Protein backbone atom coordinates (compact mmCIF):
# COMPACT_ATOMS: atom_id res chain seq x y z
CA UNK A 1 194.95 128.35 64.57
CA UNK A 2 197.59 125.68 65.04
CA UNK A 3 197.53 123.61 68.17
CA UNK A 4 201.12 123.04 69.26
CA UNK A 5 200.17 120.44 71.87
CA UNK A 6 198.59 118.20 69.23
CA UNK A 7 201.62 118.66 66.95
CA UNK A 8 204.08 117.72 69.71
CA UNK A 9 201.95 114.75 70.81
CA UNK A 10 201.74 113.57 67.19
CA UNK A 11 205.50 113.80 66.70
CA UNK A 12 206.17 111.94 69.96
CA UNK A 13 203.71 109.16 69.06
CA UNK A 14 205.20 108.84 65.57
CA UNK A 15 208.71 108.54 67.04
CA UNK A 16 207.54 105.89 69.52
CA UNK A 17 205.83 103.95 66.71
CA UNK A 18 208.88 104.07 64.45
CA UNK A 19 211.17 103.04 67.31
CA UNK A 20 208.87 100.11 68.12
CA UNK A 21 208.92 99.03 64.46
CA UNK A 22 212.70 99.26 64.14
CA UNK A 23 213.58 97.77 67.55
CA UNK A 24 210.61 95.62 68.67
CA UNK A 25 212.07 94.58 72.01
CA UNK A 26 213.57 96.55 74.86
CA UNK A 27 215.54 94.96 77.71
CA UNK A 28 216.78 96.37 80.97
CA UNK A 29 218.64 95.03 83.99
CA UNK A 30 216.54 94.33 87.08
CA UNK A 31 219.20 93.07 89.47
CA UNK A 32 222.83 92.01 89.47
CA UNK A 33 224.66 89.71 91.88
CA UNK A 34 228.27 88.67 92.04
CA UNK A 35 229.65 85.56 93.68
CA UNK A 36 233.25 84.71 94.46
CA UNK A 37 234.04 81.11 93.44
CA UNK A 38 237.64 80.36 94.27
CA UNK A 39 239.77 82.73 92.19
CA UNK A 40 236.87 83.52 89.84
CA UNK A 41 234.24 86.17 90.27
CA UNK A 42 230.92 85.09 88.75
CA UNK A 43 228.37 87.73 87.78
CA UNK A 44 224.65 86.90 87.73
CA UNK A 45 222.35 89.34 85.97
CA UNK A 46 218.57 89.33 85.71
CA UNK A 47 217.09 91.20 82.76
CA UNK A 48 213.51 91.97 81.77
CA UNK A 49 212.48 92.15 78.12
CA UNK A 50 209.51 94.15 76.84
CA UNK A 51 208.20 93.18 73.41
CA UNK A 52 206.38 95.69 71.19
CA UNK A 53 204.27 93.74 68.69
CA UNK A 54 203.24 95.01 65.27
CA UNK A 55 199.66 95.50 66.41
CA UNK A 56 201.00 98.10 68.87
CA UNK A 57 203.28 99.97 66.46
CA UNK A 58 200.87 100.55 63.58
CA UNK A 59 198.03 102.11 65.64
CA UNK A 60 200.50 104.34 67.51
CA UNK A 61 201.84 105.58 64.16
CA UNK A 62 198.31 106.15 62.87
CA UNK A 63 197.19 108.04 65.96
CA UNK A 64 200.37 110.12 65.89
CA UNK A 65 199.78 111.02 62.24
CA UNK A 66 196.17 111.96 63.04
CA UNK A 67 197.30 114.24 65.88
CA UNK A 68 199.92 115.83 63.64
CA UNK A 69 197.48 116.45 60.79
CA UNK A 70 194.80 117.76 63.15
CA UNK A 71 197.25 120.07 64.91
CA UNK A 72 198.58 121.51 61.64
CA UNK A 73 195.10 122.17 60.23
CA UNK A 74 194.03 125.79 60.10
CA UNK A 75 190.53 126.63 61.29
């Protein structure tokens, strides 16, 4: 019998692994400040960057493929 939970988990892990391979860093804004300097408005932005190294992407892909294969196997 097919296990849909394992199939879905495998697909999600494969998508995360492929996304980490294609785009190995993710940045997001933490805070934003604006300051009025004379007639100019200056915008200060703080961003955090998360790096996904290759040693993270390959195992996630492998585990996702294992979940997918295991979930599709008939007993």
